[in-house]
Amino acid sequence: MIWAYPDFKLLIILAGAFALGYLFYISRFWLINRRLKVEKRRLLTKLILRTSYFILFLIAFAGPSIGTSTKEVKEEGKDIFLAIDLSQSMNATDIGPSRLQRIKFELKELIKNFPSDRIGLIIFSSEAYMQCPLTFDQNVIQLYLDGLNTGLVPNAGTDLSGPLRMALDRFVSDVSPEVKSKSVVLISDGEDFGGEYEDVAASLAEAGIKVFSLGIGTDAGSSIPRGNGVVIDPNTGRPAETRLDRDALQKIAIETGGRYFEISDVSQEVSDLIGNLERLEGGTIGTRQVEASSNKYFYFLLAGLILSVLDMILPIKTIKL
């Protein structure tokens, strides 16, 4: 027998509470035994009856599973591209330990929620590169995430249209026979210097590809570390400041039917992002038979309920005047 909720410590506590309560109940009759006659046999009957259905309730609560049953499970697949901004501003420390390090941590947790889905990785700054094509191998994705740094791409500003166009091209050229949901998770601080994302966002929407934007940074912003110093703004000669710019990320998400999420000093919405991705309807990529234990709690619960009803309606007197 397999127990669905094997918290035997809790069951022992409940059983102990019942025993103490019933002992107190019985002791009340013995204390007034001088003036009232206790029917010992009938009292014993009540004790056996009540103990029996309480034990049945405890067994039902533990969820006994007896035997197994075979069920057919549909495997649904989604295709998800993670597009990660690797511009110098992602080294900013307004989100500790840095924006990029925080993103790497969050994405490692995110992909664990999609074990049966294909995930790809695109990195970008002023240009976009396919770091890892769509794959079911989560270990490969984890390795690529470990190696992310801002030195992997040219840093002449950030162009949000590049990774979106690359994801669109890959999705359109995909010859996989299965019908799957397709989406892009666009991760950036939002400082776009390309200004050409409107057209590609419209194309994504037309193809039914949703973009879920994840902005990272704060309104206060911070300087951008570089080596032992900071990045200097050539126009002012002072340390460059980077702040979260939500506008472009929000517009892209709205245009494609997705949503905007944020990691900042006031919002931590990665769990909401995961929930939205999980609710996407993936296409069926196969079925498989699995053995599942057959939970029989209902029979114990029903038996306990019947005995408790009998306890209430049967004329078993415990006190005789």
C-alpha atoms as a PDB file:
ATOM      1  CA  MET A   1       0.000   0.000   0.000  1.00  0.00           C
ATOM      2  CA  ILE A   2       1.227   3.473  -0.929  1.00  0.00           C
ATOM      3  CA  TRP A   3       0.216   6.555   1.027  1.00  0.00           C
ATOM      4  CA  ALA A   4      -0.409   9.797  -0.870  1.00  0.00           C
ATOM      5  CA  TYR A   5       0.114  11.935   2.271  1.00  0.00           C
ATOM      6  CA  PRO A   6       2.369   9.917   4.572  1.00  0.00           C
ATOM      7  CA  ASP A   7       2.558  12.474   7.369  1.00  0.00           C
ATOM      8  CA  PHE A   8       2.335   9.898  10.140  1.00  0.00           C
ATOM      9  CA  LYS A   9       3.482  12.409  12.754  1.00  0.00           C
ATOM     10  CA  LEU A  10       0.340  14.464  12.115  1.00  0.00           C
ATOM     11  CA  LEU A  11      -1.809  11.309  12.235  1.00  0.00           C
ATOM     12  CA  ILE A  12      -0.330  10.380  15.602  1.00  0.00           C
ATOM     13  CA  ILE A  13      -1.044  13.877  16.932  1.00  0.00           C
ATOM     14  CA  LEU A  14      -4.666  13.664  15.741  1.00  0.00           C
ATOM     15  CA  ALA A  15      -5.070  10.188  17.216  1.00  0.00           C
ATOM     16  CA  GLY A  16      -3.607  11.382  20.521  1.00  0.00           C
ATOM     17  CA  ALA A  17      -5.972  14.363  20.600  1.00  0.00           C
ATOM     18  CA  PHE A  18      -8.922  12.039  19.982  1.00  0.00           C
ATOM     19  CA  ALA A  19      -7.801   9.642  22.742  1.00  0.00           C
ATOM     20  CA  LEU A  20      -7.353  12.434  25.268  1.00  0.00           C
ATOM     21  CA  GLY A  21     -10.678  13.987  24.352  1.00  0.00           C
ATOM     22  CA  TYR A  22     -12.535  10.714  24.638  1.00  0.00           C
ATOM     23  CA  LEU A  23     -10.894   9.861  27.941  1.00  0.00           C
ATOM     24  CA  PHE A  24     -12.101  13.200  29.262  1.00  0.00           C
ATOM     25  CA  TYR A  25     -15.577  12.389  27.925  1.00  0.00           C
ATOM     26  CA  ILE A  26     -15.655   9.020  29.721  1.00  0.00           C
ATOM     27  CA  SER A  27     -14.256  10.419  32.963  1.00  0.00           C
ATOM     28  CA  ARG A  28     -17.187  12.828  33.218  1.00  0.00           C
ATOM     29  CA  PHE A  29     -19.565   9.870  33.634  1.00  0.00           C
ATOM     30  CA  TRP A  30     -17.470   8.233  36.302  1.00  0.00           C
ATOM     31  CA  LEU A  31     -17.303  11.487  38.273  1.00  0.00           C
ATOM     32  CA  ILE A  32     -21.081  11.651  38.463  1.00  0.00           C
ATOM     33  CA  ASN A  33     -21.475   7.901  38.988  1.00  0.00           C
ATOM     34  CA  ARG A  34     -22.921   8.409  42.495  1.00  0.00           C
ATOM     35  CA  ARG A  35     -26.083  10.045  41.160  1.00  0.00           C
ATOM     36  CA  LEU A  36     -26.307   8.555  37.623  1.00  0.00           C
ATOM     37  CA  LYS A  37     -25.917   4.936  36.631  1.00  0.00           C
ATOM     38  CA  VAL A  38     -23.439   4.439  33.787  1.00  0.00           C
ATOM     39  CA  GLU A  39     -24.299   1.708  31.286  1.00  0.00           C
ATOM     40  CA  LYS A  40     -20.838   0.219  30.915  1.00  0.00           C
ATOM     41  CA  ARG A  41     -21.738  -2.110  28.036  1.00  0.00           C
ATOM     42  CA  ARG A  42     -23.407   0.613  26.019  1.00  0.00           C
ATOM     43  CA  LEU A  43     -20.601   3.015  26.795  1.00  0.00           C
ATOM     44  CA  LEU A  44     -18.161   0.440  25.423  1.00  0.00           C
ATOM     45  CA  THR A  45     -20.282   0.105  22.272  1.00  0.00           C
ATOM     46  CA  LYS A  46     -20.108   3.841  21.718  1.00  0.00           C
ATOM     47  CA  LEU A  47     -16.353   3.794  22.300  1.00  0.00           C
ATOM     48  CA  ILE A  48     -15.783   1.037  19.727  1.00  0.00           C
ATOM     49  CA  LEU A  49     -18.073   2.719  17.188  1.00  0.00           C
ATOM     50  CA  ARG A  50     -16.507   6.140  17.495  1.00  0.00           C
ATOM     51  CA  THR A  51     -12.964   4.820  17.544  1.00  0.00           C
ATOM     52  CA  SER A  52     -13.685   2.815  14.406  1.00  0.00           C
ATOM     53  CA  TYR A  53     -14.908   5.706  12.286  1.00  0.00           C
ATOM     54  CA  PHE A  54     -12.214   8.025  13.587  1.00  0.00           C
ATOM     55  CA  ILE A  55      -9.571   5.501  12.467  1.00  0.00           C
ATOM     56  CA  LEU A  56     -11.295   5.256   9.070  1.00  0.00           C
ATOM     57  CA  PHE A  57     -11.154   9.054   8.745  1.00  0.00           C
ATOM     58  CA  LEU A  58      -7.423   9.017   9.551  1.00  0.00           C
ATOM     59  CA  ILE A  59      -6.795   6.346   6.902  1.00  0.00           C
ATOM     60  CA  ALA A  60      -8.765   8.325   4.316  1.00  0.00           C
ATOM     61  CA  PHE A  61      -6.823  11.460   5.258  1.00  0.00           C
ATOM     62  CA  ALA A  62      -3.524   9.645   4.566  1.00  0.00           C
ATOM     63  CA  GLY A  63      -4.701   8.739   1.032  1.00  0.00           C
ATOM     64  CA  PRO A  64      -4.205   4.950   0.764  1.00  0.00           C
ATOM     65  CA  SER A  65      -3.351   3.771  -2.750  1.00  0.00           C
ATOM     66  CA  ILE A  66      -3.955   0.091  -3.434  1.00  0.00           C
ATOM     67  CA  GLY A  67      -2.965  -1.372  -6.786  1.00  0.00           C
ATOM     68  CA  THR A  68      -2.132   0.558  -9.964  1.00  0.00           C
ATOM     69  CA  SER A  69      -3.993   1.844 -12.996  1.00  0.00           C
ATOM     70  CA  THR A  70      -2.704   2.714 -16.460  1.00  0.00           C
ATOM     71  CA  LYS A  71      -3.338   6.171 -17.865  1.00  0.00           C
ATOM     72  CA  GLU A  72      -2.558   7.738 -21.220  1.00  0.00           C
ATOM     73  CA  VAL A  73      -0.696  11.023 -20.867  1.00  0.00           C
ATOM     74  CA  LYS A  74      -0.405  13.513 -23.720  1.00  0.00           C
ATOM     75  CA  GLU A  75       2.959  15.196 -24.103  1.00  0.00           C
ATOM     76  CA  GLU A  76       2.553  18.803 -25.149  1.00  0.00           C
ATOM     77  CA  GLY A  77       5.478  20.766 -26.490  1.00  0.00           C
ATOM     78  CA  LYS A  78       6.304  24.452 -26.715  1.00  0.00           C
ATOM     79  CA  ASP A  79       9.119  26.208 -28.552  1.00  0.00           C
ATOM     80  CA  ILE A  80      10.664  29.034 -26.528  1.00  0.00           C
ATOM     81  CA  PHE A  81      13.543  31.293 -27.543  1.00  0.00           C
ATOM     82  CA  LEU A  82      15.340  33.111 -24.736  1.00  0.00           C
ATOM     83  CA  ALA A  83      16.770  36.346 -26.164  1.00  0.00           C
ATOM     84  CA  ILE A  84      19.283  37.837 -23.706  1.00  0.00           C
ATOM     85  CA  ASP A  85      20.751  41.327 -23.869  1.00  0.00           C
ATOM     86  CA  LEU A  86      24.540  41.229 -23.395  1.00  0.00           C
ATOM     87  CA  SER A  87      25.252  44.918 -23.803  1.00  0.00           C
ATOM     88  CA  GLN A  88      27.653  46.577 -21.336  1.00  0.00           C
ATOM     89  CA  SER A  89      24.732  48.010 -19.359  1.00  0.00           C
ATOM     90  CA  MET A  90      23.829  44.464 -18.237  1.00  0.00           C
ATOM     91  CA  ASN A  91      26.903  44.635 -15.966  1.00  0.00           C
ATOM     92  CA  ALA A  92      25.230  47.350 -13.906  1.00  0.00           C
ATOM     93  CA  THR A  93      24.831  46.515 -10.231  1.00  0.00           C
ATOM     94  CA  ASP A  94      21.539  48.250  -9.423  1.00  0.00           C
ATOM     95  CA  ILE A  95      20.203  44.668  -9.384  1.00  0.00           C
ATOM     96  CA  GLY A  96      22.666  42.598  -7.382  1.00  0.00           C
ATOM     97  CA  PRO A  97      25.108  41.039  -7.876  1.00  0.00           C
ATOM     98  CA  SER A  98      24.626  42.421 -11.410  1.00  0.00           C
ATOM     99  CA  ARG A  99      21.809  42.481 -13.923  1.00  0.00           C
ATOM    100  CA  LEU A 100      23.347  39.716 -16.008  1.00  0.00           C
ATOM    101  CA  GLN A 101      24.212  37.463 -13.070  1.00  0.00           C
ATOM    102  CA  ARG A 102      20.689  37.798 -11.725  1.00  0.00           C
ATOM    103  CA  ILE A 103      19.238  36.935 -15.144  1.00  0.00           C
ATOM    104  CA  LYS A 104      21.436  33.841 -15.419  1.00  0.00           C
ATOM    105  CA  PHE A 105      20.205  32.624 -12.036  1.00  0.00           C
ATOM    106  CA  GLU A 106      16.539  33.259 -12.839  1.00  0.00           C
ATOM    107  CA  LEU A 107      16.719  31.591 -16.257  1.00  0.00           C
ATOM    108  CA  LYS A 108      18.284  28.452 -14.816  1.00  0.00           C
ATOM    109  CA  GLU A 109      15.273  28.157 -12.542  1.00  0.00           C
ATOM    110  CA  LEU A 110      12.858  29.025 -15.360  1.00  0.00           C
ATOM    111  CA  ILE A 111      13.941  26.291 -17.773  1.00  0.00           C
ATOM    112  CA  LYS A 112      13.480  23.622 -15.094  1.00  0.00           C
ATOM    113  CA  ASN A 113       9.733  24.228 -15.424  1.00  0.00           C
ATOM    114  CA  PHE A 114       9.731  23.170 -19.091  1.00  0.00           C
ATOM    115  CA  PRO A 115      11.349  19.715 -19.269  1.00  0.00           C
ATOM    116  CA  SER A 116       9.312  18.568 -22.297  1.00  0.00           C
ATOM    117  CA  ASP A 117       9.715  21.764 -24.340  1.00  0.00           C
ATOM    118  CA  ARG A 118      12.349  22.910 -26.808  1.00  0.00           C
ATOM    119  CA  ILE A 119      14.319  25.944 -25.666  1.00  0.00           C
ATOM    120  CA  GLY A 120      16.778  28.011 -27.693  1.00  0.00           C
ATOM    121  CA  LEU A 121      19.173  30.794 -26.774  1.00  0.00           C
ATOM    122  CA  ILE A 122      19.824  34.043 -28.680  1.00  0.00           C
ATOM    123  CA  ILE A 123      22.312  36.635 -27.450  1.00  0.00           C
ATOM    124  CA  PHE A 124      22.422  40.204 -28.674  1.00  0.00           C
ATOM    125  CA  SER A 125      23.619  43.739 -28.269  1.00  0.00           C
ATOM    126  CA  SER A 126      24.051  45.803 -31.428  1.00  0.00           C
ATOM    127  CA  GLU A 127      23.940  42.461 -33.302  1.00  0.00           C
ATOM    128  CA  ALA A 128      22.193  39.155 -32.588  1.00  0.00           C
ATOM    129  CA  TYR A 129      23.726  35.677 -32.573  1.00  0.00           C
ATOM    130  CA  MET A 130      22.242  32.195 -32.276  1.00  0.00           C
ATOM    131  CA  GLN A 131      23.975  30.810 -29.201  1.00  0.00           C
ATOM    132  CA  CYS A 132      21.978  27.570 -29.059  1.00  0.00           C
ATOM    133  CA  PRO A 133      19.257  26.321 -31.464  1.00  0.00           C
ATOM    134  CA  LEU A 134      16.011  24.909 -30.096  1.00  0.00           C
ATOM    135  CA  THR A 135      16.755  21.785 -28.092  1.00  0.00           C
ATOM    136  CA  PHE A 136      15.210  19.458 -25.530  1.00  0.00           C
ATOM    137  CA  ASP A 137      18.589  19.099 -23.798  1.00  0.00           C
ATOM    138  CA  GLN A 138      18.383  21.292 -20.718  1.00  0.00           C
ATOM    139  CA  ASN A 139      21.940  20.447 -19.701  1.00  0.00           C
ATOM    140  CA  VAL A 140      23.215  22.130 -22.854  1.00  0.00           C
ATOM    141  CA  ILE A 141      21.142  25.237 -22.161  1.00  0.00           C
ATOM    142  CA  GLN A 142      22.451  25.338 -18.585  1.00  0.00           C
ATOM    143  CA  LEU A 143      26.050  25.193 -19.852  1.00  0.00           C
ATOM    144  CA  TYR A 144      25.469  28.048 -22.289  1.00  0.00           C
ATOM    145  CA  LEU A 145      23.857  30.136 -19.554  1.00  0.00           C
ATOM    146  CA  ASP A 146      26.892  29.585 -17.313  1.00  0.00           C
ATOM    147  CA  GLY A 147      29.161  31.006 -20.003  1.00  0.00           C
ATOM    148  CA  LEU A 148      27.231  34.189 -20.762  1.00  0.00           C
ATOM    149  CA  ASN A 149      29.154  37.458 -20.475  1.00  0.00           C
ATOM    150  CA  THR A 150      29.079  40.840 -22.168  1.00  0.00           C
ATOM    151  CA  GLY A 151      32.280  40.101 -24.077  1.00  0.00           C
ATOM    152  CA  LEU A 152      30.540  37.575 -26.344  1.00  0.00           C
ATOM    153  CA  VAL A 153      28.972  40.205 -28.623  1.00  0.00           C
ATOM    154  CA  PRO A 154      29.997  43.571 -30.108  1.00  0.00           C
ATOM    155  CA  ASN A 155      28.903  46.416 -27.852  1.00  0.00           C
ATOM    156  CA  ALA A 156      27.932  49.379 -29.969  1.00  0.00           C
ATOM    157  CA  GLY A 157      24.526  49.893 -28.399  1.00  0.00           C
ATOM    158  CA  THR A 158      21.429  47.706 -28.112  1.00  0.00           C
ATOM    159  CA  ASP A 159      19.124  46.766 -31.007  1.00  0.00           C
ATOM    160  CA  LEU A 160      15.993  44.905 -29.852  1.00  0.00           C
ATOM    161  CA  SER A 161      14.871  44.120 -33.407  1.00  0.00           C
ATOM    162  CA  GLY A 162      17.846  41.808 -34.099  1.00  0.00           C
ATOM    163  CA  PRO A 163      16.974  38.899 -31.781  1.00  0.00           C
ATOM    164  CA  LEU A 164      13.273  39.189 -32.630  1.00  0.00           C
ATOM    165  CA  ARG A 165      13.965  38.937 -36.342  1.00  0.00           C
ATOM    166  CA  MET A 166      16.308  35.982 -35.800  1.00  0.00           C
ATOM    167  CA  ALA A 167      13.690  34.132 -33.706  1.00  0.00           C
ATOM    168  CA  LEU A 168      11.020  34.854 -36.335  1.00  0.00           C
ATOM    169  CA  ASP A 169      13.204  33.474 -39.129  1.00  0.00           C
ATOM    170  CA  ARG A 170      13.933  30.291 -37.188  1.00  0.00           C
ATOM    171  CA  PHE A 171      10.297  29.741 -36.311  1.00  0.00           C
ATOM    172  CA  VAL A 172       9.120  30.314 -39.888  1.00  0.00           C
ATOM    173  CA  SER A 173      11.748  27.977 -41.345  1.00  0.00           C
ATOM    174  CA  ASP A 174      11.042  25.213 -38.811  1.00  0.00           C
ATOM    175  CA  VAL A 175       9.874  22.081 -40.644  1.00  0.00           C
ATOM    176  CA  SER A 176       8.862  20.177 -37.515  1.00  0.00           C
ATOM    177  CA  PRO A 177       5.576  18.310 -38.224  1.00  0.00           C
ATOM    178  CA  GLU A 178       4.145  18.984 -34.778  1.00  0.00           C
ATOM    179  CA  VAL A 179       2.021  22.061 -34.202  1.00  0.00           C
ATOM    180  CA  LYS A 180       3.518  23.879 -31.230  1.00  0.00           C
ATOM    181  CA  SER A 181       3.094  27.190 -29.494  1.00  0.00           C
ATOM    182  CA  LYS A 182       5.966  29.533 -30.292  1.00  0.00           C
ATOM    183  CA  SER A 183       7.130  32.351 -28.057  1.00  0.00           C
ATOM    184  CA  VAL A 184      10.095  34.578 -27.318  1.00  0.00           C
ATOM    185  CA  VAL A 185      11.275  35.730 -23.900  1.00  0.00           C
ATOM    186  CA  LEU A 186      13.032  39.049 -24.550  1.00  0.00           C
ATOM    187  CA  ILE A 187      15.319  40.006 -21.659  1.00  0.00           C
ATOM    188  CA  SER A 188      16.875  43.467 -21.539  1.00  0.00           C
ATOM    189  CA  ASP A 189      17.154  46.725 -19.623  1.00  0.00           C
ATOM    190  CA  GLY A 190      15.191  48.200 -22.523  1.00  0.00           C
ATOM    191  CA  GLU A 191      17.655  50.823 -23.728  1.00  0.00           C
ATOM    192  CA  ASP A 192      17.082  50.390 -27.474  1.00  0.00           C
ATOM    193  CA  PHE A 193      19.220  52.296 -29.986  1.00  0.00           C
ATOM    194  CA  GLY A 194      17.917  50.560 -33.103  1.00  0.00           C
ATOM    195  CA  GLY A 195      14.375  51.863 -33.198  1.00  0.00           C
ATOM    196  CA  GLU A 196      13.244  49.298 -35.778  1.00  0.00           C
ATOM    197  CA  TYR A 197      11.367  46.842 -33.604  1.00  0.00           C
ATOM    198  CA  GLU A 198       7.845  47.907 -34.684  1.00  0.00           C
ATOM    199  CA  ASP A 199       7.963  46.117 -38.045  1.00  0.00           C
ATOM    200  CA  VAL A 200       9.348  42.860 -36.718  1.00  0.00           C
ATOM    201  CA  ALA A 201       6.871  42.935 -33.816  1.00  0.00           C
ATOM    202  CA  ALA A 202       4.024  43.203 -36.325  1.00  0.00           C
ATOM    203  CA  SER A 203       5.441  40.236 -38.255  1.00  0.00           C
ATOM    204  CA  LEU A 204       5.670  38.182 -35.071  1.00  0.00           C
ATOM    205  CA  ALA A 205       2.064  38.997 -34.211  1.00  0.00           C
ATOM    206  CA  GLU A 206       0.948  37.990 -37.713  1.00  0.00           C
ATOM    207  CA  ALA A 207       2.750  34.655 -37.321  1.00  0.00           C
ATOM    208  CA  GLY A 208       1.108  34.039 -33.917  1.00  0.00           C
ATOM    209  CA  ILE A 209       4.382  34.309 -32.013  1.00  0.00           C
ATOM    210  CA  LYS A 210       4.071  35.979 -28.617  1.00  0.00           C
ATOM    211  CA  VAL A 211       6.865  37.979 -27.036  1.00  0.00           C
ATOM    212  CA  PHE A 212       7.103  38.041 -23.254  1.00  0.00           C
ATOM    213  CA  SER A 213       9.393  40.910 -22.273  1.00  0.00           C
ATOM    214  CA  LEU A 214      11.394  40.815 -19.062  1.00  0.00           C
ATOM    215  CA  GLY A 215      12.846  44.167 -18.063  1.00  0.00           C
ATOM    216  CA  ILE A 216      15.669  44.293 -15.545  1.00  0.00           C
ATOM    217  CA  GLY A 217      17.018  47.342 -13.756  1.00  0.00           C
ATOM    218  CA  THR A 218      15.806  50.219 -11.602  1.00  0.00           C
ATOM    219  CA  ASP A 219      14.525  53.744 -12.185  1.00  0.00           C
ATOM    220  CA  ALA A 220      17.442  55.131 -10.180  1.00  0.00           C
ATOM    221  CA  GLY A 221      19.923  53.164 -12.285  1.00  0.00           C
ATOM    222  CA  SER A 222      23.648  52.955 -11.702  1.00  0.00           C
ATOM    223  CA  SER A 223      26.996  53.368 -13.381  1.00  0.00           C
ATOM    224  CA  ILE A 224      28.371  50.616 -15.627  1.00  0.00           C
ATOM    225  CA  PRO A 225      31.445  48.763 -14.342  1.00  0.00           C
ATOM    226  CA  ARG A 226      34.340  48.098 -16.719  1.00  0.00           C
ATOM    227  CA  GLY A 227      37.459  46.428 -15.377  1.00  0.00           C
ATOM    228  CA  ASN A 228      38.572  48.364 -12.310  1.00  0.00           C
ATOM    229  CA  GLY A 229      36.635  51.464 -13.322  1.00  0.00           C
ATOM    230  CA  VAL A 230      33.375  52.448 -14.973  1.00  0.00           C
ATOM    231  CA  VAL A 231      32.195  53.222 -18.495  1.00  0.00           C
ATOM    232  CA  ILE A 232      32.614  56.932 -19.311  1.00  0.00           C
ATOM    233  CA  ASP A 233      30.051  58.825 -21.362  1.00  0.00           C
ATOM    234  CA  PRO A 234      32.065  60.398 -24.243  1.00  0.00           C
ATOM    235  CA  ASN A 235      29.615  63.295 -24.496  1.00  0.00           C
ATOM    236  CA  THR A 236      29.931  64.440 -20.877  1.00  0.00           C
ATOM    237  CA  GLY A 237      33.190  62.868 -19.746  1.00  0.00           C
ATOM    238  CA  ARG A 238      31.369  61.587 -16.674  1.00  0.00           C
ATOM    239  CA  PRO A 239      30.458  57.982 -15.704  1.00  0.00           C
ATOM    240  CA  ALA A 240      27.659  56.697 -17.928  1.00  0.00           C
ATOM    241  CA  GLU A 241      24.380  55.954 -16.152  1.00  0.00           C
ATOM    242  CA  THR A 242      21.987  53.187 -17.170  1.00  0.00           C
ATOM    243  CA  ARG A 243      18.324  52.970 -16.129  1.00  0.00           C
ATOM    244  CA  LEU A 244      15.486  50.598 -16.859  1.00  0.00           C
ATOM    245  CA  ASP A 245      13.556  51.775 -19.944  1.00  0.00           C
ATOM    246  CA  ARG A 246      10.219  49.949 -20.090  1.00  0.00           C
ATOM    247  CA  ASP A 247       8.640  51.629 -23.119  1.00  0.00           C
ATOM    248  CA  ALA A 248      10.060  49.515 -25.952  1.00  0.00           C
ATOM    249  CA  LEU A 249       9.698  46.260 -24.024  1.00  0.00           C
ATOM    250  CA  GLN A 250       6.075  47.005 -23.163  1.00  0.00           C
ATOM    251  CA  LYS A 251       5.195  47.991 -26.732  1.00  0.00           C
ATOM    252  CA  ILE A 252       6.698  44.807 -28.171  1.00  0.00           C
ATOM    253  CA  ALA A 253       4.823  42.639 -25.683  1.00  0.00           C
ATOM    254  CA  ILE A 254       1.491  44.377 -26.334  1.00  0.00           C
ATOM    255  CA  GLU A 255       1.918  44.272 -30.125  1.00  0.00           C
ATOM    256  CA  THR A 256       2.496  40.496 -30.133  1.00  0.00           C
ATOM    257  CA  GLY A 257      -0.153  39.560 -27.563  1.00  0.00           C
ATOM    258  CA  GLY A 258       2.389  38.784 -24.853  1.00  0.00           C
ATOM    259  CA  ARG A 259       3.025  40.519 -21.542  1.00  0.00           C
ATOM    260  CA  TYR A 260       5.678  42.640 -19.893  1.00  0.00           C
ATOM    261  CA  PHE A 261       7.355  41.507 -16.665  1.00  0.00           C
ATOM    262  CA  GLU A 262      10.032  43.079 -14.524  1.00  0.00           C
ATOM    263  CA  ILE A 263      12.908  42.488 -12.132  1.00  0.00           C
ATOM    264  CA  SER A 264      13.552  45.708 -10.259  1.00  0.00           C
ATOM    265  CA  ASP A 265      13.792  47.098  -6.760  1.00  0.00           C
ATOM    266  CA  VAL A 266       9.980  47.053  -6.517  1.00  0.00           C
ATOM    267  CA  SER A 267       8.940  44.079  -8.689  1.00  0.00           C
ATOM    268  CA  GLN A 268      10.057  40.433  -8.861  1.00  0.00           C
ATOM    269  CA  GLU A 269       7.842  38.921 -11.559  1.00  0.00           C
ATOM    270  CA  VAL A 270       9.751  35.899 -12.871  1.00  0.00           C
ATOM    271  CA  SER A 271       7.215  33.527 -11.303  1.00  0.00           C
ATOM    272  CA  ASP A 272       4.433  35.375 -13.181  1.00  0.00           C
ATOM    273  CA  LEU A 273       6.399  34.972 -16.404  1.00  0.00           C
ATOM    274  CA  ILE A 274       6.731  31.234 -15.789  1.00  0.00           C
ATOM    275  CA  GLY A 275       2.998  30.989 -15.119  1.00  0.00           C
ATOM    276  CA  ASN A 276       2.151  32.710 -18.410  1.00  0.00           C
ATOM    277  CA  LEU A 277       4.487  30.441 -20.371  1.00  0.00           C
ATOM    278  CA  GLU A 278       2.985  27.371 -18.720  1.00  0.00           C
ATOM    279  CA  ARG A 279      -0.520  28.467 -19.729  1.00  0.00           C
ATOM    280  CA  LEU A 280       0.396  28.571 -23.405  1.00  0.00           C
ATOM    281  CA  GLU A 281      -1.312  25.755 -25.259  1.00  0.00           C
ATOM    282  CA  GLY A 282       1.381  23.543 -26.706  1.00  0.00           C
ATOM    283  CA  GLY A 283       0.730  21.109 -29.513  1.00  0.00           C
ATOM    284  CA  THR A 284       0.558  17.380 -28.814  1.00  0.00           C
ATOM    285  CA  ILE A 285       3.891  15.813 -29.698  1.00  0.00           C
ATOM    286  CA  GLY A 286       3.070  12.307 -28.524  1.00  0.00           C
ATOM    287  CA  THR A 287       1.376  10.138 -25.933  1.00  0.00           C
ATOM    288  CA  ARG A 288       2.666   7.593 -23.470  1.00  0.00           C
ATOM    289  CA  GLN A 289       1.223   5.103 -21.017  1.00  0.00           C
ATOM    290  CA  VAL A 290       2.079   5.604 -17.371  1.00  0.00           C
ATOM    291  CA  GLU A 291       1.242   3.577 -14.297  1.00  0.00           C
ATOM    292  CA  ALA A 292      -0.436   5.553 -11.552  1.00  0.00           C
ATOM    293  CA  SER A 293      -1.311   4.365  -8.077  1.00  0.00           C
ATOM    294  CA  SER A 294      -5.044   4.024  -7.462  1.00  0.00           C
ATOM    295  CA  ASN A 295      -6.096   6.148  -4.484  1.00  0.00           C
ATOM    296  CA  LYS A 296      -8.832   4.397  -2.462  1.00  0.00           C
ATOM    297  CA  TYR A 297      -9.388   7.073   0.181  1.00  0.00           C
ATOM    298  CA  PHE A 298     -13.060   7.430  -0.808  1.00  0.00           C
ATOM    299  CA  TYR A 299     -14.014   3.954   0.422  1.00  0.00           C
ATOM    300  CA  PHE A 300     -12.531   4.573   3.877  1.00  0.00           C
ATOM    301  CA  LEU A 301     -14.138   8.003   4.014  1.00  0.00           C
ATOM    302  CA  LEU A 302     -17.533   6.568   3.024  1.00  0.00           C
ATOM    303  CA  ALA A 303     -17.307   3.800   5.647  1.00  0.00           C
ATOM    304  CA  GLY A 304     -16.365   6.354   8.303  1.00  0.00           C
ATOM    305  CA  LEU A 305     -19.292   8.599   7.354  1.00  0.00           C
ATOM    306  CA  ILE A 306     -21.742   5.671   7.540  1.00  0.00           C
ATOM    307  CA  LEU A 307     -20.537   4.737  11.031  1.00  0.00           C
ATOM    308  CA  SER A 308     -20.694   8.351  12.184  1.00  0.00           C
ATOM    309  CA  VAL A 309     -24.301   8.630  10.950  1.00  0.00           C
ATOM    310  CA  LEU A 310     -25.164   5.390  12.761  1.00  0.00           C
ATOM    311  CA  ASP A 311     -23.618   6.845  15.900  1.00  0.00           C
ATOM    312  CA  MET A 312     -25.955   9.823  15.666  1.00  0.00           C
ATOM    313  CA  ILE A 313     -29.207   7.979  14.863  1.00  0.00           C
ATOM    314  CA  LEU A 314     -28.953   4.691  16.761  1.00  0.00           C
ATOM    315  CA  PRO A 315     -30.624   4.817  20.225  1.00  0.00           C
ATOM    316  CA  ILE A 316     -27.596   3.612  22.202  1.00  0.00           C
ATOM    317  CA  LYS A 317     -28.016   5.133  25.628  1.00  0.00           C
ATOM    318  CA  THR A 318     -24.995   5.581  27.801  1.00  0.00           C
ATOM    319  CA  ILE A 319     -26.739   6.992  30.903  1.00  0.00           C
ATOM    320  CA  LYS A 320     -29.736   5.552  32.680  1.00  0.00           C
ATOM    321  CA  LEU A 321     -31.562   7.600  35.317  1.00  0.00           C
END
